[in-house]
Amino acid sequence: MLPMRGRPSDATESAKVARVIYSRQAFADLDRLADFPIEEAPRAAIAAIDVIRDGIEMLERHPFVGRSCEEGLRELLISYGKSGYVALYSYEKREDLVLVLAIRPCQKMYVAFAGA
């Protein structure tokens, strides 16, 4: 059966999605982030990992959403509660590949100006 006119086929739709690969360091970071609060607040730990995963999943369709930083790398700010996380990644355009290099907690997402 041919796809309906004006509607993308499944093959076209899937071609628009970048592959996301986590480095060993990024996996270790996720393990460490999950272990830290899990003893005191297991639901909060699971929720935090879900938020991180959802944020990184967004890179499949929007690999340039993160801000540029050093040497071709990008940072994705992932808000969670009063703070959040920063995912460091690179996007390899030729391969349509997002490589998540590290995930770190961010103590303050918004820093007030001195004297304000």
Protein backbone atom coordinates (compact mmCIF):
# COMPACT_ATOMS: atom_id res chain seq x y z
CA MET A 1 0.00 0.00 0.00
CA LEU A 2 1.34 3.43 -0.94
CA PRO A 3 1.53 6.18 1.68
CA MET A 4 -1.23 8.76 1.56
CA ARG A 5 -0.42 11.95 -0.31
CA GLY A 6 0.72 14.80 1.95
CA ARG A 7 1.54 12.44 4.79
CA PRO A 8 5.13 11.26 5.39
CA SER A 9 5.73 7.53 5.27
CA ASP A 10 7.23 5.71 8.24
CA ALA A 11 10.57 5.45 6.41
CA THR A 12 10.68 9.20 5.85
CA GLU A 13 9.71 9.89 9.43
CA SER A 14 12.38 7.59 10.89
CA ALA A 15 15.05 9.09 8.63
CA LYS A 16 14.67 12.38 10.51
CA VAL A 17 15.77 10.87 13.83
CA ALA A 18 19.41 11.00 14.91
CA ARG A 19 20.90 8.03 16.73
CA VAL A 20 21.81 8.75 20.35
CA ILE A 21 24.71 6.86 21.90
CA TYR A 22 25.85 7.16 25.51
CA SER A 23 29.56 7.00 26.29
CA ARG A 24 30.78 4.82 29.15
CA GLN A 25 31.33 7.99 31.16
CA ALA A 26 27.72 9.09 30.57
CA PHE A 27 26.44 5.68 31.74
CA ALA A 28 28.65 5.92 34.83
CA ASP A 29 27.30 9.41 35.49
CA LEU A 30 23.71 8.13 35.29
CA ASP A 31 24.52 5.30 37.71
CA ARG A 32 26.12 7.74 40.15
CA LEU A 33 23.21 10.20 39.86
CA ALA A 34 20.69 7.40 40.47
CA ASP A 35 22.60 5.98 43.45
CA PHE A 36 22.97 9.29 45.26
CA PRO A 37 19.34 10.01 46.25
CA ILE A 38 17.88 6.52 45.86
CA GLU A 39 18.34 5.54 49.52
CA GLU A 40 16.62 8.67 50.85
CA ALA A 41 14.07 9.32 48.10
CA PRO A 42 13.75 6.46 45.60
CA ARG A 43 10.83 8.03 43.71
CA ALA A 44 12.74 11.28 43.28
CA ALA A 45 15.76 9.38 41.94
CA ILE A 46 13.62 7.55 39.39
CA ALA A 47 11.88 10.80 38.40
CA ALA A 48 15.24 12.54 37.93
CA ILE A 49 16.54 9.77 35.67
CA ASP A 50 13.30 9.89 33.66
CA VAL A 51 13.66 13.66 33.21
CA ILE A 52 17.27 13.25 32.07
CA ARG A 53 16.31 10.48 29.67
CA ASP A 54 13.45 12.56 28.24
CA GLY A 55 15.73 15.55 27.76
CA ILE A 56 18.35 13.51 25.96
CA GLU A 57 15.68 11.78 23.88
CA MET A 58 14.76 15.23 22.52
CA LEU A 59 18.20 15.29 20.86
CA GLU A 60 17.03 12.59 18.45
CA ARG A 61 14.88 15.15 16.64
CA HIS A 62 16.63 18.37 17.68
CA PRO A 63 20.38 17.75 17.97
CA PHE A 64 21.21 21.47 17.88
CA VAL A 65 18.95 22.42 20.80
CA GLY A 66 21.87 22.52 23.25
CA ARG A 67 24.09 25.56 23.52
CA SER A 68 27.50 25.54 21.86
CA CYS A 69 30.47 25.28 24.13
CA GLU A 70 34.09 24.29 23.63
CA GLU A 71 35.57 22.57 20.55
CA GLY A 72 32.36 21.60 18.76
CA LEU A 73 30.67 20.24 21.86
CA ARG A 74 27.22 21.21 23.04
CA GLU A 75 25.50 21.39 26.44
CA LEU A 76 21.89 20.48 27.03
CA LEU A 77 20.41 22.08 30.14
CA ILE A 78 17.85 19.77 31.74
CA SER A 79 15.73 21.48 34.35
CA TYR A 80 14.60 19.47 37.38
CA GLY A 81 13.20 21.11 40.48
CA LYS A 82 15.25 24.10 41.62
CA SER A 83 18.36 22.84 39.86
CA GLY A 84 18.88 20.32 37.10
CA TYR A 85 21.50 18.61 34.99
CA VAL A 86 23.84 19.39 32.13
CA ALA A 87 24.42 16.80 29.40
CA LEU A 88 27.61 17.32 27.41
CA TYR A 89 27.35 15.93 23.89
CA SER A 90 28.58 16.15 20.34
CA TYR A 91 26.57 15.91 17.16
CA GLU A 92 28.19 14.23 14.19
CA LYS A 93 26.19 15.56 11.27
CA ARG A 94 27.54 13.16 8.61
CA GLU A 95 26.49 10.13 10.66
CA ASP A 96 23.41 11.86 12.13
CA LEU A 97 24.72 10.74 15.52
CA VAL A 98 24.47 12.31 18.98
CA LEU A 99 27.19 11.13 21.36
CA VAL A 100 26.37 11.87 25.00
CA LEU A 101 29.72 12.31 26.72
CA ALA A 102 28.82 13.22 30.31
CA ILE A 103 25.89 14.12 32.56
CA ARG A 104 26.49 16.35 35.56
CA PRO A 105 24.29 17.83 38.25
CA CYS A 106 23.86 21.58 38.05
CA GLN A 107 23.47 23.19 41.45
CA LYS A 108 21.84 26.35 40.18
CA MET A 109 20.25 26.66 36.78
CA TYR A 110 19.88 30.42 37.04
CA VAL A 111 22.57 32.52 38.66
CA ALA A 112 21.53 35.93 39.95
CA PHE A 113 23.60 38.92 38.92
CA ALA A 114 25.90 40.22 41.65
CA GLY A 115 24.35 43.18 43.41
CA ALA A 116 20.87 42.50 42.04
